[in-house]
């Protein structure tokens, strides 16, 4: 039967603690990188959901509205028929689950 001295055992425990800490830090980085990658997919999906919602509004010509999403924030740009359509598009976008805010750079055809 082998024997460990107290200092050898303590050194082994310290080494294992350092390794465990490093592995925990590394797993945190992996989780963070997956979250960033997932965020990109979620942004794309969110933008698509907003675009689809806008396309179902018969009062809007959604093909002239560009939608970009980032971390729940949606940015609308493009052209609409009249000023009321700007508010309607923003309202429609806010109804989509996951949207936290809506910024608009929509212009009316009359102002072109």
N, C-alpha and C. Protein backbone atom coordinates (compact mmCIF):
# COMPACT_ATOMS: atom_id res chain seq x y z
N UNK A 1 0.85 -1.16 0.00
CA UNK A 1 0.00 0.00 0.00
C UNK A 1 0.90 1.23 0.00
N UNK A 2 0.59 2.18 -0.88
CA UNK A 2 1.43 3.38 -0.94
C UNK A 2 0.89 4.42 0.01
N UNK A 3 1.80 5.25 0.43
CA UNK A 3 1.46 6.30 1.38
C UNK A 3 1.78 7.65 0.76
N UNK A 4 0.91 8.60 1.01
CA UNK A 4 1.15 9.97 0.57
C UNK A 4 1.47 10.79 1.80
N UNK A 5 2.41 11.67 1.66
CA UNK A 5 2.66 12.59 2.77
C UNK A 5 1.62 13.70 2.69
N UNK A 6 1.45 14.40 3.75
CA UNK A 6 0.46 15.48 3.79
C UNK A 6 0.75 16.54 2.75
N UNK A 7 2.04 16.87 2.54
CA UNK A 7 2.36 17.91 1.57
C UNK A 7 2.13 17.43 0.14
N UNK A 8 2.36 16.14 -0.15
CA UNK A 8 2.11 15.60 -1.48
C UNK A 8 0.61 15.60 -1.77
N UNK A 9 -0.18 15.20 -0.79
CA UNK A 9 -1.62 15.19 -0.95
C UNK A 9 -2.16 16.61 -1.15
N UNK A 10 -1.67 17.56 -0.39
CA UNK A 10 -2.09 18.95 -0.50
C UNK A 10 -1.71 19.50 -1.88
N UNK A 11 -0.52 19.18 -2.36
CA UNK A 11 -0.10 19.64 -3.69
C UNK A 11 -0.99 19.04 -4.78
N UNK A 12 -1.37 17.79 -4.62
CA UNK A 12 -2.24 17.14 -5.60
C UNK A 12 -3.63 17.79 -5.61
N UNK A 13 -4.15 18.09 -4.44
CA UNK A 13 -5.46 18.74 -4.34
C UNK A 13 -5.40 20.12 -4.98
N UNK A 14 -4.33 20.86 -4.72
CA UNK A 14 -4.19 22.19 -5.32
C UNK A 14 -4.12 22.09 -6.85
N UNK A 15 -3.37 21.14 -7.34
CA UNK A 15 -3.25 20.96 -8.79
C UNK A 15 -4.60 20.62 -9.40
N UNK A 16 -5.35 19.75 -8.75
CA UNK A 16 -6.67 19.40 -9.25
C UNK A 16 -7.62 20.60 -9.22
N UNK A 17 -7.49 21.43 -8.21
CA UNK A 17 -8.31 22.63 -8.10
C UNK A 17 -8.02 23.58 -9.25
N UNK A 18 -6.73 23.73 -9.58
CA UNK A 18 -6.35 24.60 -10.70
C UNK A 18 -6.91 24.06 -12.01
N UNK A 19 -6.78 22.75 -12.21
CA UNK A 19 -7.29 22.12 -13.43
C UNK A 19 -8.81 22.28 -13.51
N UNK A 20 -9.49 22.06 -12.40
CA UNK A 20 -10.95 22.19 -12.38
C UNK A 20 -11.36 23.63 -12.69
N UNK A 21 -10.63 24.59 -12.15
CA UNK A 21 -10.92 25.99 -12.42
C UNK A 21 -10.73 26.33 -13.90
N UNK A 22 -9.66 25.80 -14.47
CA UNK A 22 -9.39 26.04 -15.89
C UNK A 22 -10.49 25.43 -16.76
N UNK A 23 -10.91 24.21 -16.42
CA UNK A 23 -11.98 23.56 -17.19
C UNK A 23 -13.29 24.32 -17.06
N UNK A 24 -13.58 24.83 -15.90
CA UNK A 24 -14.79 25.61 -15.70
C UNK A 24 -14.74 26.88 -16.54
N UNK A 25 -13.60 27.55 -16.55
CA UNK A 25 -13.45 28.76 -17.36
C UNK A 25 -13.61 28.44 -18.84
N UNK A 26 -13.01 27.35 -19.28
CA UNK A 26 -13.10 26.96 -20.68
C UNK A 26 -14.54 26.63 -21.05
N UNK A 27 -15.26 25.94 -20.18
CA UNK A 27 -16.65 25.60 -20.49
C UNK A 27 -17.49 26.86 -20.56
N UNK A 28 -17.16 27.87 -19.76
CA UNK A 28 -17.86 29.14 -19.83
C UNK A 28 -17.65 29.82 -21.16
N UNK A 29 -16.44 29.73 -21.69
CA UNK A 29 -16.16 30.30 -23.01
C UNK A 29 -16.94 29.58 -24.09
N UNK A 30 -17.02 28.27 -23.99
CA UNK A 30 -17.76 27.48 -24.97
C UNK A 30 -19.24 27.85 -24.92
N UNK A 31 -19.79 27.97 -23.72
CA UNK A 31 -21.20 28.35 -23.58
C UNK A 31 -21.42 29.75 -24.15
N UNK A 32 -20.50 30.68 -23.88
CA UNK A 32 -20.64 32.04 -24.39
C UNK A 32 -20.60 32.06 -25.91
N UNK A 33 -19.70 31.27 -26.51
CA UNK A 33 -19.62 31.28 -27.97
C UNK A 33 -20.86 30.65 -28.58
N UNK A 34 -21.43 29.64 -27.94
CA UNK A 34 -22.68 29.07 -28.43
C UNK A 34 -23.81 30.07 -28.30
N UNK A 35 -23.82 30.84 -27.23
CA UNK A 35 -24.86 31.85 -27.04
C UNK A 35 -24.76 32.92 -28.11
N UNK A 36 -23.54 33.33 -28.46
CA UNK A 36 -23.37 34.33 -29.50
C UNK A 36 -23.86 33.78 -30.83
N UNK A 37 -23.49 32.55 -31.12
CA UNK A 37 -23.93 31.94 -32.37
C UNK A 37 -25.45 31.81 -32.39
N UNK A 38 -26.02 31.42 -31.26
CA UNK A 38 -27.47 31.30 -31.18
C UNK A 38 -28.13 32.67 -31.33
N UNK A 39 -27.49 33.71 -30.78
CA UNK A 39 -28.03 35.06 -30.90
C UNK A 39 -28.13 35.49 -32.34
N UNK A 40 -27.15 35.12 -33.15
CA UNK A 40 -27.18 35.44 -34.57
C UNK A 40 -28.36 34.76 -35.24
N UNK A 41 -28.57 33.50 -34.93
CA UNK A 41 -29.70 32.77 -35.51
C UNK A 41 -31.00 33.39 -35.02
N UNK A 42 -31.07 33.72 -33.75
CA UNK A 42 -32.28 34.32 -33.20
C UNK A 42 -32.57 35.66 -33.85
N UNK A 43 -31.54 36.46 -34.10
CA UNK A 43 -31.74 37.76 -34.75
C UNK A 43 -32.31 37.58 -36.14
N UNK A 44 -31.75 36.63 -36.87
CA UNK A 44 -32.23 36.36 -38.22
C UNK A 44 -33.68 35.88 -38.20
N UNK A 45 -33.96 34.98 -37.27
CA UNK A 45 -35.32 34.46 -37.13
C UNK A 45 -36.29 35.56 -36.72
N UNK A 46 -35.86 36.40 -35.79
CA UNK A 46 -36.72 37.48 -35.32
C UNK A 46 -37.02 38.46 -36.46
N UNK A 47 -36.01 38.80 -37.23
CA UNK A 47 -36.23 39.69 -38.37
C UNK A 47 -37.21 39.07 -39.37
N UNK A 48 -37.07 37.77 -39.60
CA UNK A 48 -37.98 37.08 -40.53
C UNK A 48 -39.41 37.08 -39.99
N UNK A 49 -39.56 36.89 -38.68
CA UNK A 49 -40.91 36.90 -38.09
C UNK A 49 -41.54 38.29 -38.20
N UNK A 50 -40.74 39.33 -37.98
CA UNK A 50 -41.26 40.69 -38.10
C UNK A 50 -41.65 40.96 -39.56
N UNK A 51 -40.79 40.58 -40.49
CA UNK A 51 -41.07 40.79 -41.92
C UNK A 51 -42.37 40.06 -42.31
N UNK A 52 -42.54 38.85 -41.80
CA UNK A 52 -43.75 38.10 -42.09
C UNK A 52 -44.99 38.79 -41.50
N UNK A 53 -44.88 39.27 -40.29
CA UNK A 53 -45.99 39.99 -39.66
C UNK A 53 -46.35 41.22 -40.47
N UNK A 54 -45.34 41.96 -40.91
CA UNK A 54 -45.61 43.15 -41.72
C UNK A 54 -46.27 42.77 -43.05
N UNK A 55 -45.86 41.65 -43.62
CA UNK A 55 -46.41 41.25 -44.91
C UNK A 55 -47.89 40.84 -44.81
N UNK A 56 -48.33 40.46 -43.60
CA UNK A 56 -49.73 40.08 -43.41
C UNK A 56 -50.63 41.28 -43.13
N UNK A 57 -50.04 42.46 -42.99
CA UNK A 57 -50.83 43.67 -42.77
C UNK A 57 -51.21 44.23 -44.14
N UNK A 58 -52.50 44.14 -44.47
CA UNK A 58 -52.97 44.56 -45.79
C UNK A 58 -52.81 46.06 -46.03
N UNK A 59 -52.61 46.83 -44.97
CA UNK A 59 -52.47 48.27 -45.11
C UNK A 59 -51.04 48.70 -45.47
N UNK A 60 -50.10 47.77 -45.40
CA UNK A 60 -48.70 48.10 -45.66
C UNK A 60 -48.20 47.42 -46.92
N UNK A 61 -47.25 48.04 -47.56
CA UNK A 61 -46.53 47.39 -48.65
C UNK A 61 -45.19 46.96 -48.08
N UNK A 62 -45.19 45.81 -47.39
CA UNK A 62 -44.03 45.36 -46.63
C UNK A 62 -42.81 45.04 -47.50
N UNK A 63 -43.03 44.83 -48.80
CA UNK A 63 -41.88 44.53 -49.65
C UNK A 63 -40.93 45.72 -49.72
N UNK A 64 -41.39 46.92 -49.35
CA UNK A 64 -40.54 48.10 -49.35
C UNK A 64 -39.96 48.41 -47.98
N UNK A 65 -40.12 47.49 -47.04
CA UNK A 65 -39.61 47.68 -45.68
C UNK A 65 -38.52 46.64 -45.41
N UNK A 66 -37.34 47.12 -45.05
CA UNK A 66 -36.23 46.24 -44.67
C UNK A 66 -36.24 46.11 -43.15
N UNK A 67 -36.02 44.88 -42.66
CA UNK A 67 -36.05 44.61 -41.23
C UNK A 67 -34.70 44.02 -40.79
N UNK A 68 -34.11 44.62 -39.76
CA UNK A 68 -32.87 44.11 -39.17
C UNK A 68 -33.12 43.98 -37.67
N UNK A 69 -32.70 42.85 -37.09
CA UNK A 69 -32.87 42.63 -35.65
C UNK A 69 -31.52 42.38 -35.01
N UNK A 70 -31.35 42.89 -33.80
CA UNK A 70 -30.13 42.63 -33.05
C UNK A 70 -30.49 42.64 -31.56
N UNK A 71 -30.37 41.46 -30.96
CA UNK A 71 -30.62 41.30 -29.52
C UNK A 71 -31.99 41.85 -29.11
N UNK A 72 -33.00 41.57 -29.92
CA UNK A 72 -34.35 41.99 -29.59
C UNK A 72 -34.75 43.35 -30.13
N UNK A 73 -33.75 44.16 -30.49
CA UNK A 73 -34.04 45.48 -31.08
C UNK A 73 -34.25 45.31 -32.58
N UNK A 74 -35.32 45.89 -33.08
CA UNK A 74 -35.65 45.79 -34.50
C UNK A 74 -35.52 47.17 -35.13
N UNK A 75 -34.87 47.20 -36.29
CA UNK A 75 -34.73 48.45 -37.04
C UNK A 75 -35.46 48.29 -38.37
N UNK A 76 -36.38 49.22 -38.63
CA UNK A 76 -37.14 49.22 -39.88
C UNK A 76 -36.62 50.35 -40.76
N UNK A 77 -36.42 50.06 -42.03
CA UNK A 77 -36.03 51.10 -42.97
C UNK A 77 -36.71 50.84 -44.30
N UNK A 78 -36.82 51.89 -45.10
CA UNK A 78 -37.45 51.75 -46.40
C UNK A 78 -38.52 52.79 -46.62
N UNK A 79 -39.51 52.42 -47.43
CA UNK A 79 -40.54 53.36 -47.86
C UNK A 79 -41.94 52.82 -47.58
N UNK A 80 -42.83 53.72 -47.16
CA UNK A 80 -44.24 53.40 -46.96
C UNK A 80 -45.09 54.47 -47.65
N UNK A 81 -46.39 54.20 -47.76
CA UNK A 81 -47.28 55.08 -48.50
C UNK A 81 -47.54 56.42 -47.80
N UNK A 82 -47.85 56.36 -46.49
CA UNK A 82 -48.12 57.61 -45.78
C UNK A 82 -47.60 57.55 -44.35
N UNK A 83 -47.57 58.70 -43.67
CA UNK A 83 -47.00 58.74 -42.32
C UNK A 83 -47.65 57.79 -41.32
N UNK A 84 -48.94 57.52 -41.47
CA UNK A 84 -49.62 56.59 -40.55
C UNK A 84 -49.04 55.18 -40.67
N UNK A 85 -48.53 54.85 -41.86
CA UNK A 85 -47.95 53.52 -42.07
C UNK A 85 -46.67 53.31 -41.25
N UNK A 86 -45.97 54.39 -40.98
CA UNK A 86 -44.77 54.29 -40.15
C UNK A 86 -45.15 53.78 -38.77
N UNK A 87 -46.16 54.41 -38.18
CA UNK A 87 -46.62 54.00 -36.85
C UNK A 87 -47.21 52.59 -36.87
N UNK A 88 -47.93 52.27 -37.93
CA UNK A 88 -48.53 50.93 -38.03
C UNK A 88 -47.44 49.85 -38.13
N UNK A 89 -46.42 50.12 -38.91
CA UNK A 89 -45.33 49.15 -39.06
C UNK A 89 -44.61 48.96 -37.73
N UNK A 90 -44.36 50.05 -37.01
CA UNK A 90 -43.70 49.95 -35.71
C UNK A 90 -44.58 49.17 -34.72
N UNK A 91 -45.87 49.45 -34.74
CA UNK A 91 -46.81 48.75 -33.85
C UNK A 91 -46.84 47.25 -34.18
N UNK A 92 -46.90 46.92 -35.48
CA UNK A 92 -46.91 45.51 -35.89
C UNK A 92 -45.63 44.80 -35.43
N UNK A 93 -44.50 45.47 -35.58
CA UNK A 93 -43.21 44.87 -35.19
C UNK A 93 -43.17 44.60 -33.69
N UNK A 94 -43.70 45.52 -32.89
CA UNK A 94 -43.67 45.35 -31.43
C UNK A 94 -44.53 44.18 -30.96
N UNK A 95 -45.49 43.76 -31.78
CA UNK A 95 -46.36 42.63 -31.41
C UNK A 95 -45.65 41.28 -31.51
N UNK A 96 -44.53 41.24 -32.20
CA UNK A 96 -43.82 39.97 -32.41
C UNK A 96 -43.09 39.60 -31.12
N UNK A 97 -43.32 38.37 -30.61
CA UNK A 97 -42.63 37.94 -29.40
C UNK A 97 -41.11 37.98 -29.58
N UNK A 98 -40.43 38.55 -28.59
CA UNK A 98 -38.97 38.66 -28.65
C UNK A 98 -38.49 40.04 -29.01
N UNK A 99 -39.37 40.87 -29.57
CA UNK A 99 -39.00 42.24 -29.91
C UNK A 99 -39.05 43.08 -28.64
N UNK A 100 -37.95 43.76 -28.34
CA UNK A 100 -37.90 44.59 -27.13
C UNK A 100 -38.05 46.07 -27.45
N UNK A 101 -37.64 46.47 -28.67
CA UNK A 101 -37.82 47.86 -29.09
C UNK A 101 -37.79 47.92 -30.61
N UNK A 102 -38.32 49.01 -31.14
CA UNK A 102 -38.36 49.20 -32.59
C UNK A 102 -37.86 50.61 -32.92
N UNK A 103 -36.87 50.68 -33.79
CA UNK A 103 -36.38 51.95 -34.32
C UNK A 103 -36.84 52.03 -35.77
N UNK A 104 -37.16 53.23 -36.21
CA UNK A 104 -37.64 53.38 -37.58
C UNK A 104 -36.84 54.41 -38.36
N UNK A 105 -36.50 54.03 -39.55
CA UNK A 105 -35.94 54.94 -40.53
C UNK A 105 -36.78 54.80 -41.80
N UNK A 106 -38.10 54.74 -41.58
CA UNK A 106 -39.05 54.62 -42.69
C UNK A 106 -39.37 56.01 -43.22
N UNK A 107 -39.50 56.10 -44.53
CA UNK A 107 -39.84 57.35 -45.21
C UNK A 107 -41.14 57.14 -45.98
N UNK A 108 -41.85 58.23 -46.21
CA UNK A 108 -43.07 58.14 -47.02
C UNK A 108 -42.74 58.48 -48.46
N UNK A 109 -43.50 57.89 -49.37
CA UNK A 109 -43.29 58.14 -50.80
C UNK A 109 -43.46 59.62 -51.09
N UNK A 110 -44.33 60.31 -50.38
CA UNK A 110 -44.57 61.73 -50.61
C UNK A 110 -43.31 62.56 -50.33
N UNK A 111 -42.44 62.08 -49.43
CA UNK A 111 -41.24 62.83 -49.08
C UNK A 111 -40.07 62.52 -49.99
N UNK A 112 -40.26 61.60 -50.93
CA UNK A 112 -39.16 61.18 -51.83
C UNK A 112 -38.87 62.23 -52.87
